[in-house]
Amino acid sequence: MKKLILASVSALALLGVAACSESGTDNTTTQSTNPPPAEQPMQPAPDASKPAEPAKPAPTAPAQ
């Protein structure tokens, strides 16, 4: 029983030292990131109820 109590006290002491130790302060800093650019609002889709206009053929030059 004595060994169990001694082991528990030793473990708590070791954890206390590990949690409170200042093993040298590092001089590292965190770097912030830039926020993404503001998104453009979505444009409404074209009206799907009317069919799309067919493409017009390119005009040709008259034959000479």
N, C-alpha and C. Protein backbone atom coordinates (compact mmCIF):
# COMPACT_ATOMS: atom_id res chain seq x y z
N MET A 1 0.83 -1.19 0.00
CA MET A 1 0.00 0.00 0.00
C MET A 1 0.88 1.26 0.00
N LYS A 2 1.99 1.16 0.77
CA LYS A 2 2.89 2.31 0.84
C LYS A 2 3.49 2.62 -0.54
N LYS A 3 3.81 1.56 -1.29
CA LYS A 3 4.41 1.75 -2.62
C LYS A 3 3.42 2.41 -3.57
N LEU A 4 2.13 2.06 -3.46
CA LEU A 4 1.11 2.65 -4.33
C LEU A 4 0.96 4.14 -4.05
N ILE A 5 0.94 4.51 -2.79
CA ILE A 5 0.81 5.93 -2.42
C ILE A 5 2.05 6.69 -2.87
N LEU A 6 3.24 6.11 -2.64
CA LEU A 6 4.47 6.76 -3.05
C LEU A 6 4.52 6.94 -4.58
N ALA A 7 4.07 5.93 -5.31
CA ALA A 7 4.06 6.02 -6.78
C ALA A 7 3.08 7.09 -7.24
N SER A 8 1.92 7.18 -6.59
CA SER A 8 0.93 8.20 -6.96
C SER A 8 1.45 9.60 -6.69
N VAL A 9 2.07 9.80 -5.53
CA VAL A 9 2.61 11.12 -5.18
C VAL A 9 3.73 11.50 -6.15
N SER A 10 4.57 10.54 -6.49
CA SER A 10 5.67 10.81 -7.43
C SER A 10 5.12 11.17 -8.81
N ALA A 11 4.11 10.45 -9.26
CA ALA A 11 3.52 10.74 -10.57
C ALA A 11 2.89 12.12 -10.59
N LEU A 12 2.18 12.50 -9.53
CA LEU A 12 1.57 13.84 -9.47
C LEU A 12 2.64 14.92 -9.45
N ALA A 13 3.72 14.69 -8.71
CA ALA A 13 4.80 15.67 -8.66
C ALA A 13 5.45 15.83 -10.02
N LEU A 14 5.66 14.71 -10.70
CA LEU A 14 6.28 14.76 -12.02
C LEU A 14 5.38 15.50 -13.02
N LEU A 15 4.08 15.22 -12.98
CA LEU A 15 3.16 15.93 -13.87
C LEU A 15 3.09 17.41 -13.54
N GLY A 16 3.14 17.74 -12.25
CA GLY A 16 3.12 19.16 -11.86
C GLY A 16 4.34 19.90 -12.36
N VAL A 17 5.50 19.27 -12.27
CA VAL A 17 6.73 19.90 -12.77
C VAL A 17 6.67 20.05 -14.28
N ALA A 18 6.18 19.03 -14.96
CA ALA A 18 6.12 19.08 -16.43
C ALA A 18 5.13 20.15 -16.90
N ALA A 19 4.03 20.32 -16.18
CA ALA A 19 3.02 21.29 -16.60
C ALA A 19 3.47 22.72 -16.34
N CYS A 20 4.25 22.93 -15.31
CA CYS A 20 4.62 24.30 -14.92
C CYS A 20 6.00 24.70 -15.40
N SER A 21 6.74 23.79 -15.99
CA SER A 21 8.12 24.13 -16.36
C SER A 21 8.13 25.08 -17.55
N GLU A 22 9.05 26.01 -17.50
CA GLU A 22 9.27 26.93 -18.61
C GLU A 22 10.54 26.46 -19.31
N SER A 23 10.42 25.56 -20.23
CA SER A 23 11.60 25.02 -20.89
C SER A 23 12.06 25.98 -21.97
N GLY A 24 12.37 27.18 -21.58
CA GLY A 24 12.84 28.18 -22.54
C GLY A 24 11.68 28.74 -23.34
N THR A 25 11.60 30.03 -23.41
CA THR A 25 10.51 30.63 -24.18
C THR A 25 10.93 30.70 -25.63
N ASP A 26 10.06 30.29 -26.50
CA ASP A 26 10.39 30.38 -27.92
C ASP A 26 9.94 31.73 -28.45
N ASN A 27 10.62 32.19 -29.44
CA ASN A 27 10.31 33.49 -30.01
C ASN A 27 9.52 33.37 -31.30
N THR A 28 8.83 32.26 -31.47
CA THR A 28 8.05 32.08 -32.68
C THR A 28 6.75 32.84 -32.57
N THR A 29 6.25 33.29 -33.68
CA THR A 29 4.97 33.99 -33.71
C THR A 29 4.08 33.31 -34.74
N THR A 30 2.82 33.49 -34.57
CA THR A 30 1.89 32.95 -35.56
C THR A 30 1.70 33.98 -36.66
N GLN A 31 1.42 33.53 -37.83
CA GLN A 31 1.26 34.42 -38.96
C GLN A 31 -0.19 34.36 -39.42
N SER A 32 -0.80 35.52 -39.53
CA SER A 32 -2.19 35.54 -39.96
C SER A 32 -2.27 35.37 -41.47
N THR A 33 -3.41 34.93 -41.93
CA THR A 33 -3.63 34.78 -43.36
C THR A 33 -4.58 35.86 -43.83
N ASN A 34 -4.46 36.21 -45.08
CA ASN A 34 -5.36 37.22 -45.63
C ASN A 34 -6.72 36.59 -45.90
N PRO A 35 -7.79 37.32 -45.62
CA PRO A 35 -9.12 36.76 -45.91
C PRO A 35 -9.33 36.67 -47.42
N PRO A 36 -10.16 35.76 -47.88
CA PRO A 36 -10.40 35.66 -49.32
C PRO A 36 -11.10 36.92 -49.82
N PRO A 37 -10.90 37.27 -51.08
CA PRO A 37 -11.56 38.47 -51.60
C PRO A 37 -13.08 38.30 -51.55
N ALA A 38 -13.74 39.43 -51.44
CA ALA A 38 -15.21 39.39 -51.38
C ALA A 38 -15.76 38.75 -52.64
N GLU A 39 -16.66 37.84 -52.47
CA GLU A 39 -17.23 37.15 -53.63
C GLU A 39 -18.27 38.03 -54.30
N GLN A 40 -18.32 37.94 -55.62
CA GLN A 40 -19.31 38.68 -56.38
C GLN A 40 -20.66 37.98 -56.22
N PRO A 41 -21.74 38.74 -56.12
CA PRO A 41 -23.05 38.08 -56.01
C PRO A 41 -23.35 37.29 -57.28
N MET A 42 -24.05 36.22 -57.12
CA MET A 42 -24.38 35.37 -58.26
C MET A 42 -25.41 36.07 -59.14
N GLN A 43 -25.22 35.95 -60.45
CA GLN A 43 -26.17 36.51 -61.40
C GLN A 43 -27.29 35.49 -61.59
N PRO A 44 -28.53 35.96 -61.73
CA PRO A 44 -29.61 34.98 -61.94
C PRO A 44 -29.43 34.28 -63.28
N ALA A 45 -29.86 33.05 -63.34
CA ALA A 45 -29.75 32.27 -64.56
C ALA A 45 -30.69 32.84 -65.61
N PRO A 46 -30.33 32.73 -66.89
CA PRO A 46 -31.24 33.22 -67.94
C PRO A 46 -32.55 32.43 -67.89
N ASP A 47 -33.58 33.06 -68.40
CA ASP A 47 -34.91 32.45 -68.36
C ASP A 47 -34.90 31.16 -69.18
N ALA A 48 -35.15 30.05 -68.54
CA ALA A 48 -35.08 28.75 -69.21
C ALA A 48 -36.37 28.42 -69.95
N SER A 49 -37.43 29.23 -69.78
CA SER A 49 -38.70 28.90 -70.43
C SER A 49 -38.67 29.23 -71.92
N LYS A 50 -37.85 30.20 -72.35
CA LYS A 50 -37.79 30.49 -73.78
C LYS A 50 -36.53 29.85 -74.37
N PRO A 51 -36.61 29.31 -75.57
CA PRO A 51 -35.44 28.65 -76.16
C PRO A 51 -34.38 29.68 -76.54
N ALA A 52 -33.17 29.24 -76.56
CA ALA A 52 -32.08 30.12 -76.94
C ALA A 52 -32.15 30.40 -78.43
N GLU A 53 -31.70 31.59 -78.82
CA GLU A 53 -31.73 31.96 -80.23
C GLU A 53 -30.60 31.21 -80.95
N PRO A 54 -30.90 30.69 -82.15
CA PRO A 54 -29.84 29.99 -82.88
C PRO A 54 -28.77 30.98 -83.34
N ALA A 55 -27.57 30.51 -83.48
CA ALA A 55 -26.47 31.36 -83.92
C ALA A 55 -26.69 31.74 -85.39
N LYS A 56 -26.42 33.00 -85.68
CA LYS A 56 -26.58 33.48 -87.06
C LYS A 56 -25.31 33.16 -87.83
N PRO A 57 -25.42 32.69 -89.07
CA PRO A 57 -24.19 32.42 -89.83
C PRO A 57 -23.48 33.72 -90.17
N ALA A 58 -22.19 33.65 -90.29
CA ALA A 58 -21.40 34.84 -90.61
C ALA A 58 -21.71 35.26 -92.04
N PRO A 59 -21.83 36.56 -92.25
CA PRO A 59 -22.10 37.01 -93.64
C PRO A 59 -20.90 36.72 -94.54
N THR A 60 -21.21 36.32 -95.75
CA THR A 60 -20.15 36.02 -96.69
C THR A 60 -20.04 37.16 -97.69
N ALA A 61 -18.87 37.37 -98.20
CA ALA A 61 -18.66 38.43 -99.20
C ALA A 61 -19.22 37.95 -100.54
N PRO A 62 -19.80 38.88 -101.28
CA PRO A 62 -20.34 38.47 -102.60
C PRO A 62 -19.21 38.02 -103.53
N ALA A 63 -19.53 37.04 -104.38
CA ALA A 63 -18.52 36.52 -105.32
C ALA A 63 -18.32 37.54 -106.43
N GLN A 64 -17.11 37.67 -106.89
CA GLN A 64 -16.84 38.63 -107.96
C GLN A 64 -16.47 37.95 -109.23
